[in-house]
Amino acid sequence: MRVITHTCSDCGTVVAANELEDHRIMKCPGLNCENVLRFEDLSEEARQHFLDNRDRYQL
């Protein structure tokens, strides 16, 4: 299993791929950050790996 994350370009908050996939489009959870994060912000390879192995990333 790989750890797939995305870092907000505005505040540096790290968000897990499973959160991005679950919401698809979400406001950054960083304190006082208004940046919008999207599942598509992950690389194509990271998105495909996550989708192909979704069952391994469930909590």
C-alpha atoms as a PDB file:
ATOM      1  CA  MET A   1       0.000   0.000   0.000  1.00  0.00           C
ATOM      2  CA  ARG A   2       1.181   3.501  -0.845  1.00  0.00           C
ATOM      3  CA  VAL A   3       0.446   6.658   1.067  1.00  0.00           C
ATOM      4  CA  ILE A   4      -1.157   9.022  -1.442  1.00  0.00           C
ATOM      5  CA  THR A   5      -1.605  12.620  -0.350  1.00  0.00           C
ATOM      6  CA  HIS A   6      -1.983  16.088  -1.788  1.00  0.00           C
ATOM      7  CA  THR A   7      -0.458  19.216  -0.255  1.00  0.00           C
ATOM      8  CA  CYS A   8      -2.434  22.454  -0.419  1.00  0.00           C
ATOM      9  CA  SER A   9      -0.501  24.956  -2.493  1.00  0.00           C
ATOM     10  CA  ASP A  10      -1.719  27.848  -0.328  1.00  0.00           C
ATOM     11  CA  CYS A  11      -1.167  26.676   3.250  1.00  0.00           C
ATOM     12  CA  GLY A  12       0.708  23.356   3.062  1.00  0.00           C
ATOM     13  CA  THR A  13      -2.018  21.241   4.687  1.00  0.00           C
ATOM     14  CA  VAL A  14      -1.725  17.599   3.660  1.00  0.00           C
ATOM     15  CA  VAL A  15      -4.927  15.810   2.614  1.00  0.00           C
ATOM     16  CA  ALA A  16      -5.243  12.051   2.048  1.00  0.00           C
ATOM     17  CA  ALA A  17      -6.342  10.744  -1.336  1.00  0.00           C
ATOM     18  CA  ASN A  18      -9.303   8.917   0.191  1.00  0.00           C
ATOM     19  CA  GLU A  19     -10.680  12.233   1.506  1.00  0.00           C
ATOM     20  CA  LEU A  20     -10.255  13.860  -1.890  1.00  0.00           C
ATOM     21  CA  GLU A  21     -11.876  10.910  -3.639  1.00  0.00           C
ATOM     22  CA  ASP A  22     -14.760  10.846  -1.166  1.00  0.00           C
ATOM     23  CA  HIS A  23     -15.552  14.564  -1.594  1.00  0.00           C
ATOM     24  CA  ARG A  24     -14.125  15.115  -5.128  1.00  0.00           C
ATOM     25  CA  ILE A  25     -14.155  18.892  -4.505  1.00  0.00           C
ATOM     26  CA  MET A  26     -13.587  20.269  -1.013  1.00  0.00           C
ATOM     27  CA  LYS A  27     -12.455  23.376   0.811  1.00  0.00           C
ATOM     28  CA  CYS A  28      -8.993  22.917   2.244  1.00  0.00           C
ATOM     29  CA  PRO A  29      -9.250  21.873   5.909  1.00  0.00           C
ATOM     30  CA  GLY A  30      -6.319  24.152   6.770  1.00  0.00           C
ATOM     31  CA  LEU A  31      -6.944  26.875   9.332  1.00  0.00           C
ATOM     32  CA  ASN A  32      -8.123  30.072   7.593  1.00  0.00           C
ATOM     33  CA  CYS A  33      -7.433  28.580   4.157  1.00  0.00           C
ATOM     34  CA  GLU A  34     -10.038  29.102   1.439  1.00  0.00           C
ATOM     35  CA  ASN A  35      -8.279  27.068  -1.274  1.00  0.00           C
ATOM     36  CA  VAL A  36     -10.401  24.472  -3.089  1.00  0.00           C
ATOM     37  CA  LEU A  37      -8.910  20.991  -3.449  1.00  0.00           C
ATOM     38  CA  ARG A  38      -9.985  18.450  -6.046  1.00  0.00           C
ATOM     39  CA  PHE A  39      -9.379  14.743  -6.576  1.00  0.00           C
ATOM     40  CA  GLU A  40      -8.092  15.751 -10.028  1.00  0.00           C
ATOM     41  CA  ASP A  41      -5.254  17.654  -8.290  1.00  0.00           C
ATOM     42  CA  LEU A  42      -3.585  14.275  -7.773  1.00  0.00           C
ATOM     43  CA  SER A  43      -1.470  12.975 -10.639  1.00  0.00           C
ATOM     44  CA  GLU A  44      -3.208  10.669 -13.121  1.00  0.00           C
ATOM     45  CA  GLU A  45      -1.020   7.784 -11.923  1.00  0.00           C
ATOM     46  CA  ALA A  46      -1.874   8.420  -8.249  1.00  0.00           C
ATOM     47  CA  ARG A  47      -5.605   8.684  -9.006  1.00  0.00           C
ATOM     48  CA  GLN A  48      -5.570   5.454 -11.004  1.00  0.00           C
ATOM     49  CA  HIS A  49      -3.582   3.589  -8.346  1.00  0.00           C
ATOM     50  CA  PHE A  50      -6.010   4.757  -5.665  1.00  0.00           C
ATOM     51  CA  LEU A  51      -9.089   3.787  -7.691  1.00  0.00           C
ATOM     52  CA  ASP A  52      -7.629   0.397  -8.627  1.00  0.00           C
ATOM     53  CA  ASN A  53      -6.852  -0.334  -4.955  1.00  0.00           C
ATOM     54  CA  ARG A  54      -9.689   1.552  -3.221  1.00  0.00           C
ATOM     55  CA  ASP A  55     -10.495  -1.372  -0.895  1.00  0.00           C
ATOM     56  CA  ARG A  56      -6.988  -1.200   0.578  1.00  0.00           C
ATOM     57  CA  TYR A  57      -7.467   2.468   1.517  1.00  0.00           C
ATOM     58  CA  GLN A  58     -10.678   2.109   3.506  1.00  0.00           C
ATOM     59  CA  LEU A  59     -10.498   2.692   7.245  1.00  0.00           C
END
